[in-house]
Amino acid sequence: MLCFFVASLESAFVVHAAQDSQGETIKCTYTAKKTWDHVGTQYTCVIDEYAIVDSPNQKFLQAPDPEVKVLVMGYNINVKYLPANTGDVFPNLIALFARNASIEAIYKKNFDGLQNLQYIHLGSNKIRKIANDTFRDLVSLRWLMLGMKKLL
């Protein structure tokens, strides 16, 4: 079993979480250079456990950041969907870790523009729907984890 745990934290700075009253937007809580198993030391965007992603149309509210290679938004029961514009904001993403959240559905739009994405960890969620062709355009995908809980 592959594991992705933080091995070191080199530098970090806080970016305030941004969310409007309808929960329409989301932003990195903080970004940092972190070392991960299998992907090495990469600039990482972390969405903290207080962020709410409760709509399949929710989007990131930040300017594109091609330096971010890893997105972490797991261990948060308030994350029910992946943001709709991840590829627009993080075009060079190689890993997305959203395990132990409450993700209910996965759509193709969640991965549009992510041709470099190699690792997806969505284990221990509440996935009820995976849209047709969701992973079709992920030509670099090497590892996909959906297990650890029954897909409903």
N, C-alpha and C. Protein backbone atom coordinates (compact mmCIF):
# COMPACT_ATOMS: atom_id res chain seq x y z
N MET A 1 0.83 -1.17 0.00
CA MET A 1 0.00 0.00 0.00
C MET A 1 0.88 1.25 0.00
N LEU A 2 0.58 2.18 -0.88
CA LEU A 2 1.34 3.42 -0.95
C LEU A 2 0.81 4.39 0.10
N CYS A 3 1.70 5.10 0.74
CA CYS A 3 1.30 6.09 1.74
C CYS A 3 1.91 7.43 1.38
N PHE A 4 1.19 8.49 1.65
CA PHE A 4 1.67 9.83 1.36
C PHE A 4 1.61 10.63 2.64
N PHE A 5 2.69 10.68 3.35
CA PHE A 5 2.76 11.42 4.59
C PHE A 5 3.82 12.50 4.46
N VAL A 6 3.60 13.60 5.16
CA VAL A 6 4.58 14.67 5.14
C VAL A 6 5.82 14.21 5.87
N ALA A 7 6.96 14.37 5.21
CA ALA A 7 8.22 13.99 5.83
C ALA A 7 8.96 15.22 6.34
N SER A 8 8.80 16.34 5.68
CA SER A 8 9.47 17.55 6.17
C SER A 8 8.73 18.78 5.70
N LEU A 9 8.89 19.85 6.42
CA LEU A 9 8.28 21.13 6.08
C LEU A 9 9.40 22.15 6.04
N GLU A 10 9.67 22.69 4.84
CA GLU A 10 10.79 23.62 4.70
C GLU A 10 10.40 25.06 4.99
N SER A 11 9.37 25.54 4.33
CA SER A 11 8.95 26.92 4.59
C SER A 11 7.45 27.01 4.36
N ALA A 12 6.80 27.82 5.16
CA ALA A 12 5.35 27.94 5.03
C ALA A 12 4.94 29.38 5.24
N PHE A 13 3.86 29.76 4.60
CA PHE A 13 3.27 31.04 4.89
C PHE A 13 1.77 30.87 4.82
N VAL A 14 1.08 31.63 5.64
CA VAL A 14 -0.36 31.46 5.75
C VAL A 14 -1.05 32.31 4.68
N VAL A 15 -2.02 31.72 4.04
CA VAL A 15 -2.90 32.43 3.12
C VAL A 15 -4.29 32.28 3.74
N HIS A 16 -4.94 33.38 4.00
CA HIS A 16 -6.23 33.31 4.67
C HIS A 16 -7.25 32.54 3.85
N ALA A 17 -8.00 31.69 4.52
CA ALA A 17 -9.06 30.97 3.85
C ALA A 17 -10.11 31.96 3.39
N ALA A 18 -10.60 31.79 2.19
CA ALA A 18 -11.60 32.70 1.65
C ALA A 18 -12.81 31.90 1.23
N GLN A 19 -13.94 32.33 1.74
CA GLN A 19 -15.18 31.65 1.40
C GLN A 19 -16.30 32.66 1.57
N ASP A 20 -17.13 32.83 0.53
CA ASP A 20 -18.22 33.79 0.68
C ASP A 20 -19.37 33.15 1.46
N SER A 21 -20.42 33.92 1.67
CA SER A 21 -21.50 33.44 2.55
C SER A 21 -22.24 32.22 2.00
N GLN A 22 -22.20 31.99 0.71
CA GLN A 22 -22.86 30.81 0.16
C GLN A 22 -21.90 29.64 0.00
N GLY A 23 -20.66 29.77 0.45
CA GLY A 23 -19.70 28.69 0.31
C GLY A 23 -19.30 28.48 -1.13
N GLU A 24 -19.29 29.54 -1.94
CA GLU A 24 -19.04 29.41 -3.37
C GLU A 24 -17.56 29.34 -3.73
N THR A 25 -16.68 29.86 -2.92
CA THR A 25 -15.27 29.92 -3.29
C THR A 25 -14.39 29.28 -2.22
N ILE A 26 -13.21 28.88 -2.64
CA ILE A 26 -12.27 28.27 -1.70
C ILE A 26 -10.86 28.67 -2.10
N LYS A 27 -9.97 28.76 -1.12
CA LYS A 27 -8.60 29.19 -1.35
C LYS A 27 -7.67 28.37 -0.46
N CYS A 28 -6.43 28.25 -0.86
CA CYS A 28 -5.45 27.55 -0.03
C CYS A 28 -5.41 28.18 1.35
N THR A 29 -5.44 27.37 2.38
CA THR A 29 -5.28 27.88 3.74
C THR A 29 -3.83 28.27 3.94
N TYR A 30 -2.94 27.40 3.46
CA TYR A 30 -1.52 27.76 3.41
C TYR A 30 -0.85 26.96 2.32
N THR A 31 0.30 27.46 1.90
CA THR A 31 1.12 26.75 0.93
C THR A 31 2.51 26.59 1.54
N ALA A 32 3.19 25.52 1.16
CA ALA A 32 4.51 25.24 1.72
C ALA A 32 5.23 24.25 0.83
N LYS A 33 6.53 24.22 0.95
CA LYS A 33 7.30 23.15 0.32
C LYS A 33 7.30 21.98 1.28
N LYS A 34 6.81 20.83 0.79
CA LYS A 34 6.74 19.63 1.61
C LYS A 34 7.34 18.47 0.85
N THR A 35 7.83 17.49 1.59
CA THR A 35 8.37 16.28 0.98
C THR A 35 7.35 15.17 1.15
N TRP A 36 7.04 14.51 0.03
CA TRP A 36 6.04 13.45 -0.02
C TRP A 36 6.68 12.19 -0.57
N ASP A 37 6.19 11.04 -0.08
CA ASP A 37 6.59 9.77 -0.67
C ASP A 37 6.19 9.79 -2.14
N HIS A 38 7.03 9.31 -3.01
CA HIS A 38 6.77 9.11 -4.43
C HIS A 38 6.74 10.37 -5.28
N VAL A 39 6.56 11.55 -4.71
CA VAL A 39 6.57 12.77 -5.54
C VAL A 39 7.65 13.76 -5.13
N GLY A 40 8.38 13.44 -4.06
CA GLY A 40 9.49 14.30 -3.64
C GLY A 40 9.04 15.59 -2.99
N THR A 41 9.94 16.57 -2.96
CA THR A 41 9.66 17.86 -2.35
C THR A 41 8.95 18.74 -3.38
N GLN A 42 7.75 19.16 -3.03
CA GLN A 42 6.93 19.91 -3.97
C GLN A 42 6.21 21.04 -3.24
N TYR A 43 5.95 22.11 -3.98
CA TYR A 43 5.15 23.22 -3.49
C TYR A 43 3.72 22.71 -3.35
N THR A 44 3.14 22.82 -2.15
CA THR A 44 1.88 22.18 -1.81
C THR A 44 0.85 23.20 -1.33
N CYS A 45 -0.39 23.06 -1.82
CA CYS A 45 -1.53 23.84 -1.34
C CYS A 45 -2.30 22.96 -0.38
N VAL A 46 -2.56 23.46 0.82
CA VAL A 46 -3.33 22.71 1.82
C VAL A 46 -4.62 23.45 2.11
N ILE A 47 -5.72 22.71 2.01
CA ILE A 47 -7.04 23.23 2.39
C ILE A 47 -7.32 22.65 3.77
N ASP A 48 -7.51 23.49 4.77
CA ASP A 48 -7.59 22.99 6.15
C ASP A 48 -8.93 22.35 6.47
N GLU A 49 -9.02 21.82 7.68
CA GLU A 49 -10.19 21.06 8.11
C GLU A 49 -11.42 21.93 8.36
N TYR A 50 -11.29 23.25 8.25
CA TYR A 50 -12.44 24.13 8.45
C TYR A 50 -13.06 24.59 7.14
N ALA A 51 -12.42 24.32 6.04
CA ALA A 51 -12.95 24.71 4.75
C ALA A 51 -14.21 23.92 4.44
N ILE A 52 -15.13 24.56 3.73
CA ILE A 52 -16.37 23.91 3.35
C ILE A 52 -16.46 23.87 1.83
N VAL A 53 -16.60 22.67 1.28
CA VAL A 53 -16.81 22.49 -0.15
C VAL A 53 -18.06 21.64 -0.27
N ASP A 54 -19.22 22.31 -0.38
CA ASP A 54 -20.49 21.59 -0.34
C ASP A 54 -21.31 21.72 -1.62
N SER A 55 -20.67 22.15 -2.69
CA SER A 55 -21.34 22.27 -3.98
C SER A 55 -20.41 21.77 -5.08
N PRO A 56 -20.93 21.04 -6.06
CA PRO A 56 -20.08 20.57 -7.15
C PRO A 56 -19.60 21.70 -8.06
N ASN A 57 -20.16 22.89 -7.89
CA ASN A 57 -19.76 24.04 -8.71
C ASN A 57 -18.84 25.01 -7.98
N GLN A 58 -18.46 24.69 -6.77
CA GLN A 58 -17.56 25.54 -6.01
C GLN A 58 -16.21 25.64 -6.69
N LYS A 59 -15.59 26.82 -6.64
CA LYS A 59 -14.33 27.04 -7.34
C LYS A 59 -13.31 27.69 -6.43
N PHE A 60 -12.04 27.53 -6.82
CA PHE A 60 -10.96 28.24 -6.14
C PHE A 60 -11.06 29.71 -6.48
N LEU A 61 -10.76 30.54 -5.49
CA LEU A 61 -10.84 31.99 -5.64
C LEU A 61 -9.45 32.59 -5.75
N GLN A 62 -8.52 31.97 -6.36
CA GLN A 62 -7.18 32.53 -6.40
C GLN A 62 -6.64 32.50 -7.82
N ALA A 63 -5.65 33.33 -8.03
CA ALA A 63 -5.01 33.41 -9.34
C ALA A 63 -4.29 32.09 -9.63
N PRO A 64 -4.13 31.75 -10.90
CA PRO A 64 -3.38 30.53 -11.22
C PRO A 64 -2.01 30.50 -10.56
N ASP A 65 -1.63 29.35 -10.06
CA ASP A 65 -0.33 29.18 -9.40
C ASP A 65 0.35 27.94 -9.98
N PRO A 66 1.14 28.11 -11.04
CA PRO A 66 1.78 26.96 -11.68
C PRO A 66 2.85 26.29 -10.83
N GLU A 67 3.26 26.93 -9.72
CA GLU A 67 4.27 26.32 -8.85
C GLU A 67 3.70 25.19 -7.98
N VAL A 68 2.40 25.24 -7.68
CA VAL A 68 1.78 24.22 -6.83
C VAL A 68 1.72 22.90 -7.60
N LYS A 69 2.28 21.85 -6.99
CA LYS A 69 2.31 20.53 -7.61
C LYS A 69 1.46 19.51 -6.84
N VAL A 70 1.12 19.84 -5.57
CA VAL A 70 0.35 18.92 -4.74
C VAL A 70 -0.80 19.70 -4.09
N LEU A 71 -2.00 19.11 -4.13
CA LEU A 71 -3.17 19.69 -3.47
C LEU A 71 -3.63 18.71 -2.40
N VAL A 72 -3.78 19.22 -1.16
CA VAL A 72 -4.21 18.39 -0.03
C VAL A 72 -5.49 19.00 0.53
N MET A 73 -6.54 18.19 0.55
CA MET A 73 -7.81 18.66 1.12
C MET A 73 -8.55 17.54 1.81
N GLY A 74 -7.81 16.67 2.45
CA GLY A 74 -8.41 15.53 3.14
C GLY A 74 -8.61 15.79 4.62
N TYR A 75 -9.09 14.76 5.30
CA TYR A 75 -9.36 14.80 6.74
C TYR A 75 -10.29 15.96 7.08
N ASN A 76 -11.34 16.12 6.27
CA ASN A 76 -12.27 17.22 6.46
C ASN A 76 -13.66 16.72 6.07
N ILE A 77 -14.55 16.58 7.04
CA ILE A 77 -15.89 16.09 6.75
C ILE A 77 -16.73 17.11 5.99
N ASN A 78 -16.26 18.35 5.88
CA ASN A 78 -16.98 19.40 5.16
C ASN A 78 -16.65 19.44 3.67
N VAL A 79 -15.73 18.59 3.21
CA VAL A 79 -15.40 18.52 1.79
C VAL A 79 -16.23 17.41 1.16
N LYS A 80 -17.28 17.82 0.44
CA LYS A 80 -18.18 16.86 -0.20
C LYS A 80 -17.94 16.74 -1.70
N TYR A 81 -17.21 17.70 -2.27
CA TYR A 81 -16.92 17.71 -3.69
C TYR A 81 -15.51 18.26 -3.90
N LEU A 82 -14.94 17.96 -5.05
CA LEU A 82 -13.67 18.58 -5.44
C LEU A 82 -13.99 19.88 -6.16
N PRO A 83 -13.16 20.91 -6.00
CA PRO A 83 -13.42 22.18 -6.69
C PRO A 83 -13.49 21.99 -8.21
N ALA A 84 -14.35 22.78 -8.85
CA ALA A 84 -14.62 22.62 -10.29
C ALA A 84 -13.50 23.14 -11.18
N ASN A 85 -12.64 24.03 -10.69
CA ASN A 85 -11.64 24.67 -11.55
C ASN A 85 -10.20 24.38 -11.11
N THR A 86 -9.96 23.23 -10.56
CA THR A 86 -8.62 22.89 -10.06
C THR A 86 -7.56 23.02 -11.14
N GLY A 87 -7.83 22.54 -12.34
CA GLY A 87 -6.86 22.59 -13.43
C GLY A 87 -6.55 24.01 -13.88
N ASP A 88 -7.51 24.92 -13.76
CA ASP A 88 -7.27 26.32 -14.12
C ASP A 88 -6.33 27.00 -13.13
N VAL A 89 -6.47 26.63 -11.85
CA VAL A 89 -5.69 27.29 -10.80
C VAL A 89 -4.33 26.60 -10.59
N PHE A 90 -4.30 25.28 -10.70
CA PHE A 90 -3.07 24.52 -10.48
C PHE A 90 -2.76 23.66 -11.71
N PRO A 91 -2.35 24.27 -12.82
CA PRO A 91 -2.18 23.52 -14.07
C PRO A 91 -1.07 22.48 -14.06
N ASN A 92 -0.14 22.58 -13.13
CA ASN A 92 0.98 21.64 -13.07
C ASN A 92 0.86 20.63 -11.94
N LEU A 93 -0.33 20.45 -11.43
CA LEU A 93 -0.57 19.53 -10.33
C LEU A 93 -0.15 18.11 -10.70
N ILE A 94 0.60 17.46 -9.81
CA ILE A 94 0.97 16.06 -10.04
C ILE A 94 0.33 15.12 -9.02
N ALA A 95 -0.20 15.67 -7.91
CA ALA A 95 -0.83 14.82 -6.89
C ALA A 95 -1.99 15.55 -6.23
N LEU A 96 -3.07 14.82 -6.02
CA LEU A 96 -4.23 15.34 -5.32
C LEU A 96 -4.60 14.35 -4.23
N PHE A 97 -4.56 14.80 -2.98
CA PHE A 97 -4.85 13.96 -1.84
C PHE A 97 -6.09 14.51 -1.13
N ALA A 98 -7.18 13.77 -1.22
CA ALA A 98 -8.43 14.18 -0.57
C ALA A 98 -9.04 12.97 0.14
N ARG A 99 -8.22 12.28 0.89
CA ARG A 99 -8.69 11.09 1.61
C ARG A 99 -9.32 11.49 2.93
N ASN A 100 -10.15 10.59 3.45
CA ASN A 100 -10.82 10.82 4.74
C ASN A 100 -11.61 12.13 4.76
N ALA A 101 -12.30 12.41 3.68
CA ALA A 101 -13.20 13.55 3.63
C ALA A 101 -14.62 12.98 3.51
N SER A 102 -15.52 13.73 2.94
CA SER A 102 -16.90 13.24 2.75
C SER A 102 -17.31 13.37 1.29
N ILE A 103 -16.37 13.20 0.39
CA ILE A 103 -16.65 13.38 -1.04
C ILE A 103 -17.73 12.41 -1.48
N GLU A 104 -18.77 12.96 -2.11
CA GLU A 104 -19.93 12.19 -2.53
C GLU A 104 -19.93 11.86 -4.01
N ALA A 105 -19.35 12.75 -4.83
CA ALA A 105 -19.38 12.56 -6.27
C ALA A 105 -18.11 13.13 -6.90
N ILE A 106 -17.71 12.51 -8.02
CA ILE A 106 -16.52 12.95 -8.75
C ILE A 106 -16.94 13.16 -10.20
N TYR A 107 -16.55 14.30 -10.75
CA TYR A 107 -16.93 14.65 -12.11
C TYR A 107 -15.69 14.90 -12.96
N LYS A 108 -15.85 14.78 -14.26
CA LYS A 108 -14.76 15.03 -15.19
C LYS A 108 -14.21 16.45 -15.03
N LYS A 109 -15.10 17.43 -14.80
CA LYS A 109 -14.67 18.82 -14.67
C LYS A 109 -13.68 19.01 -13.51
N ASN A 110 -13.69 18.10 -12.54
CA ASN A 110 -12.75 18.21 -11.42
C ASN A 110 -11.32 18.01 -11.86
N PHE A 111 -11.11 17.37 -13.01
CA PHE A 111 -9.77 17.03 -13.48
C PHE A 111 -9.43 17.67 -14.82
N ASP A 112 -10.30 18.52 -15.36
CA ASP A 112 -10.00 19.19 -16.63
C ASP A 112 -8.72 20.01 -16.51
N GLY A 113 -7.86 19.88 -17.50
CA GLY A 113 -6.61 20.64 -17.53
C GLY A 113 -5.50 20.07 -16.67
N LEU A 114 -5.67 18.89 -16.13
CA LEU A 114 -4.66 18.30 -15.24
C LEU A 114 -3.92 17.15 -15.92
N GLN A 115 -3.33 17.43 -17.07
CA GLN A 115 -2.62 16.40 -17.84
C GLN A 115 -1.39 15.85 -17.13
N ASN A 116 -0.85 16.58 -16.15
CA ASN A 116 0.33 16.13 -15.41
C ASN A 116 -0.01 15.34 -14.16
N LEU A 117 -1.29 15.22 -13.83
CA LEU A 117 -1.70 14.55 -12.59
C LEU A 117 -1.34 13.07 -12.63
N GLN A 118 -0.55 12.64 -11.63
CA GLN A 118 -0.07 11.27 -11.57
C GLN A 118 -0.67 10.47 -10.42
N TYR A 119 -1.01 11.13 -9.32
CA TYR A 119 -1.46 10.45 -8.10
C TYR A 119 -2.76 11.08 -7.62
N ILE A 120 -3.77 10.24 -7.39
CA ILE A 120 -5.04 10.70 -6.82
C ILE A 120 -5.38 9.76 -5.67
N HIS A 121 -5.56 10.34 -4.49
CA HIS A 121 -5.96 9.55 -3.32
C HIS A 121 -7.30 10.07 -2.83
N LEU A 122 -8.35 9.28 -3.08
CA LEU A 122 -9.70 9.62 -2.64
C LEU A 122 -10.26 8.54 -1.73
N GLY A 123 -9.39 7.78 -1.08
CA GLY A 123 -9.82 6.71 -0.19
C GLY A 123 -10.55 7.24 1.02
N SER A 124 -11.39 6.41 1.60
CA SER A 124 -12.15 6.72 2.82
C SER A 124 -13.04 7.95 2.65
N ASN A 125 -13.82 7.95 1.59
CA ASN A 125 -14.82 8.98 1.33
C ASN A 125 -16.19 8.33 1.26
N LYS A 126 -17.18 9.09 0.83
CA LYS A 126 -18.56 8.59 0.71
C LYS A 126 -19.01 8.67 -0.74
N ILE A 127 -18.17 8.22 -1.64
CA ILE A 127 -18.42 8.38 -3.07
C ILE A 127 -19.62 7.55 -3.49
N ARG A 128 -20.60 8.23 -4.09
CA ARG A 128 -21.80 7.58 -4.60
C ARG A 128 -21.86 7.64 -6.11
N LYS A 129 -21.13 8.59 -6.69
CA LYS A 129 -21.20 8.78 -8.14
C LYS A 129 -19.82 9.12 -8.69
N ILE A 130 -19.46 8.41 -9.75
CA ILE A 130 -18.28 8.76 -10.55
C ILE A 130 -18.80 8.90 -11.97
N ALA A 131 -18.75 10.11 -12.50
CA ALA A 131 -19.29 10.38 -13.83
C ALA A 131 -18.49 9.63 -14.90
N ASN A 132 -19.16 9.30 -15.99
CA ASN A 132 -18.50 8.63 -17.11
C ASN A 132 -17.31 9.45 -17.60
N ASP A 133 -16.25 8.77 -17.99
CA ASP A 133 -15.05 9.39 -18.56
C ASP A 133 -14.34 10.35 -17.61
N THR A 134 -14.60 10.25 -16.32
CA THR A 134 -13.99 11.16 -15.35
C THR A 134 -12.47 11.17 -15.45
N PHE A 135 -11.86 10.03 -15.62
CA PHE A 135 -10.40 9.94 -15.61
C PHE A 135 -9.79 9.79 -17.01
N ARG A 136 -10.60 9.86 -18.04
CA ARG A 136 -10.16 9.59 -19.42
C ARG A 136 -8.99 10.46 -19.87
N ASP A 137 -9.01 11.75 -19.60
CA ASP A 137 -7.98 12.66 -20.11
C ASP A 137 -6.74 12.75 -19.22
N LEU A 138 -6.69 11.97 -18.16
CA LEU A 138 -5.54 11.99 -17.25
C LEU A 138 -4.47 11.05 -17.77
N VAL A 139 -3.76 11.50 -18.80
CA VAL A 139 -2.80 10.66 -19.52
C VAL A 139 -1.57 10.30 -18.69
N SER A 140 -1.30 11.07 -17.65
CA SER A 140 -0.13 10.80 -16.79
C SER A 140 -0.47 10.01 -15.54
N LEU A 141 -1.74 9.69 -15.32
CA LEU A 141 -2.17 9.04 -14.09
C LEU A 141 -1.48 7.68 -13.92
N ARG A 142 -0.83 7.51 -12.77
CA ARG A 142 -0.12 6.27 -12.44
C ARG A 142 -0.75 5.54 -11.27
N TRP A 143 -1.48 6.28 -10.41
CA TRP A 143 -1.98 5.69 -9.17
C TRP A 143 -3.29 6.36 -8.78
N LEU A 144 -4.33 5.56 -8.57
CA LEU A 144 -5.64 6.05 -8.18
C LEU A 144 -6.14 5.20 -7.02
N MET A 145 -6.44 5.83 -5.90
CA MET A 145 -6.94 5.13 -4.72
C MET A 145 -8.37 5.60 -4.45
N LEU A 146 -9.30 4.66 -4.54
CA LEU A 146 -10.70 4.95 -4.23
C LEU A 146 -11.19 4.11 -3.07
N GLY A 147 -10.40 3.19 -2.59
CA GLY A 147 -10.83 2.20 -1.61
C GLY A 147 -10.85 2.65 -0.18
N MET A 148 -10.87 1.70 0.70
CA MET A 148 -10.89 1.80 2.15
C MET A 148 -12.26 2.04 2.72
N LYS A 149 -13.25 2.33 1.90
CA LYS A 149 -14.65 2.36 2.30
C LYS A 149 -15.44 1.89 1.09
N LYS A 150 -16.54 1.32 1.36
CA LYS A 150 -17.37 0.83 0.28
C LYS A 150 -17.87 1.99 -0.57
N LEU A 151 -17.72 1.86 -1.89
CA LEU A 151 -18.32 2.83 -2.79
C LEU A 151 -19.82 2.59 -2.79
N LEU A 152 -20.58 3.62 -2.51
CA LEU A 152 -22.04 3.46 -2.38
C LEU A 152 -22.71 3.51 -3.73
